[in-house]
Amino acid sequence: MPSKNLASLARWVGFLSVALNIRRTLLNPFFYFNPDFPDS
């Protein structure tokens, strides 16, 4: 069913986005002190 595929895809994309955000945050020690620090 297309709806099931869309739900799975949405969950997968959400998981990847969260994982990338966590990874970027952990790799950027200034994130908490300077939220406006530009992404490299």
N, C-alpha and C. Protein backbone atom coordinates (compact mmCIF):
# COMPACT_ATOMS: atom_id res chain seq x y z
N MET A 1 0.84 -1.21 0.00
CA MET A 1 0.00 0.00 0.00
C MET A 1 0.87 1.25 0.00
N PRO A 2 0.52 2.24 -0.82
CA PRO A 2 1.30 3.49 -0.88
C PRO A 2 1.35 4.20 0.47
N SER A 3 0.24 4.17 1.21
CA SER A 3 0.20 4.88 2.49
C SER A 3 1.21 4.28 3.47
N LYS A 4 1.33 2.95 3.46
CA LYS A 4 2.29 2.31 4.36
C LYS A 4 3.71 2.67 3.96
N ASN A 5 3.98 2.71 2.66
CA ASN A 5 5.31 3.09 2.18
C ASN A 5 5.64 4.52 2.57
N LEU A 6 4.65 5.42 2.44
CA LEU A 6 4.88 6.82 2.80
C LEU A 6 5.15 6.96 4.29
N ALA A 7 4.43 6.19 5.10
CA ALA A 7 4.64 6.26 6.55
C ALA A 7 6.04 5.78 6.90
N SER A 8 6.46 4.68 6.26
CA SER A 8 7.80 4.15 6.52
C SER A 8 8.87 5.14 6.07
N LEU A 9 8.65 5.74 4.90
CA LEU A 9 9.61 6.71 4.38
C LEU A 9 9.70 7.93 5.29
N ALA A 10 8.55 8.41 5.75
CA ALA A 10 8.53 9.58 6.63
C ALA A 10 9.28 9.29 7.93
N ARG A 11 9.06 8.09 8.49
CA ARG A 11 9.74 7.73 9.73
C ARG A 11 11.24 7.63 9.52
N TRP A 12 11.65 7.07 8.39
CA TRP A 12 13.06 6.89 8.05
C TRP A 12 13.72 8.26 7.87
N VAL A 13 13.06 9.17 7.13
CA VAL A 13 13.60 10.51 6.91
C VAL A 13 13.71 11.25 8.25
N GLY A 14 12.69 11.11 9.09
CA GLY A 14 12.73 11.75 10.40
C GLY A 14 13.89 11.24 11.23
N PHE A 15 14.10 9.92 11.20
CA PHE A 15 15.21 9.32 11.96
C PHE A 15 16.55 9.84 11.46
N LEU A 16 16.71 9.90 10.13
CA LEU A 16 17.97 10.38 9.56
C LEU A 16 18.21 11.85 9.92
N SER A 17 17.17 12.67 9.85
CA SER A 17 17.33 14.09 10.16
C SER A 17 17.73 14.28 11.62
N VAL A 18 17.11 13.50 12.51
CA VAL A 18 17.46 13.60 13.93
C VAL A 18 18.90 13.14 14.16
N ALA A 19 19.28 12.04 13.50
CA ALA A 19 20.64 11.52 13.66
C ALA A 19 21.67 12.54 13.17
N LEU A 20 21.38 13.17 12.03
CA LEU A 20 22.31 14.16 11.49
C LEU A 20 22.39 15.38 12.39
N ASN A 21 21.25 15.81 12.96
CA ASN A 21 21.27 16.96 13.86
C ASN A 21 22.07 16.66 15.12
N ILE A 22 21.91 15.45 15.68
CA ILE A 22 22.66 15.07 16.87
C ILE A 22 24.15 15.02 16.56
N ARG A 23 24.50 14.42 15.41
CA ARG A 23 25.90 14.30 15.03
C ARG A 23 26.53 15.68 14.83
N ARG A 24 25.80 16.58 14.15
CA ARG A 24 26.33 17.92 13.91
C ARG A 24 26.52 18.65 15.25
N THR A 25 25.55 18.48 16.15
CA THR A 25 25.63 19.14 17.44
C THR A 25 26.84 18.64 18.23
N LEU A 26 27.05 17.33 18.22
CA LEU A 26 28.18 16.76 18.97
C LEU A 26 29.51 17.18 18.37
N LEU A 27 29.54 17.39 17.05
CA LEU A 27 30.79 17.78 16.39
C LEU A 27 31.03 19.29 16.46
N ASN A 28 30.04 20.04 16.95
CA ASN A 28 30.19 21.50 17.01
C ASN A 28 30.18 21.94 18.48
N PRO A 29 31.35 22.05 19.12
CA PRO A 29 31.42 22.37 20.55
C PRO A 29 30.90 23.76 20.88
N PHE A 30 30.74 24.62 19.87
CA PHE A 30 30.26 25.98 20.13
C PHE A 30 28.75 26.09 19.99
N PHE A 31 28.09 24.96 19.66
CA PHE A 31 26.65 25.00 19.38
C PHE A 31 25.86 25.58 20.55
N TYR A 32 26.17 25.12 21.77
CA TYR A 32 25.40 25.55 22.93
C TYR A 32 25.71 26.99 23.33
N PHE A 33 26.93 27.43 23.04
CA PHE A 33 27.33 28.77 23.45
C PHE A 33 27.01 29.81 22.41
N ASN A 34 27.03 29.42 21.13
CA ASN A 34 26.79 30.37 20.05
C ASN A 34 25.90 29.73 18.98
N PRO A 35 24.57 29.73 19.21
CA PRO A 35 23.64 29.09 18.27
C PRO A 35 23.70 29.69 16.87
N ASP A 36 24.19 30.92 16.75
CA ASP A 36 24.23 31.58 15.45
C ASP A 36 25.50 31.24 14.67
N PHE A 37 26.32 30.36 15.22
CA PHE A 37 27.55 29.97 14.54
C PHE A 37 27.21 29.32 13.20
N PRO A 38 27.75 29.82 12.09
CA PRO A 38 27.39 29.30 10.76
C PRO A 38 27.88 27.88 10.55
N ASP A 39 27.09 27.10 9.83
CA ASP A 39 27.49 25.72 9.51
C ASP A 39 28.64 25.74 8.51
N SER A 40 29.58 24.84 8.70
CA SER A 40 30.72 24.79 7.79
C SER A 40 30.39 23.92 6.59
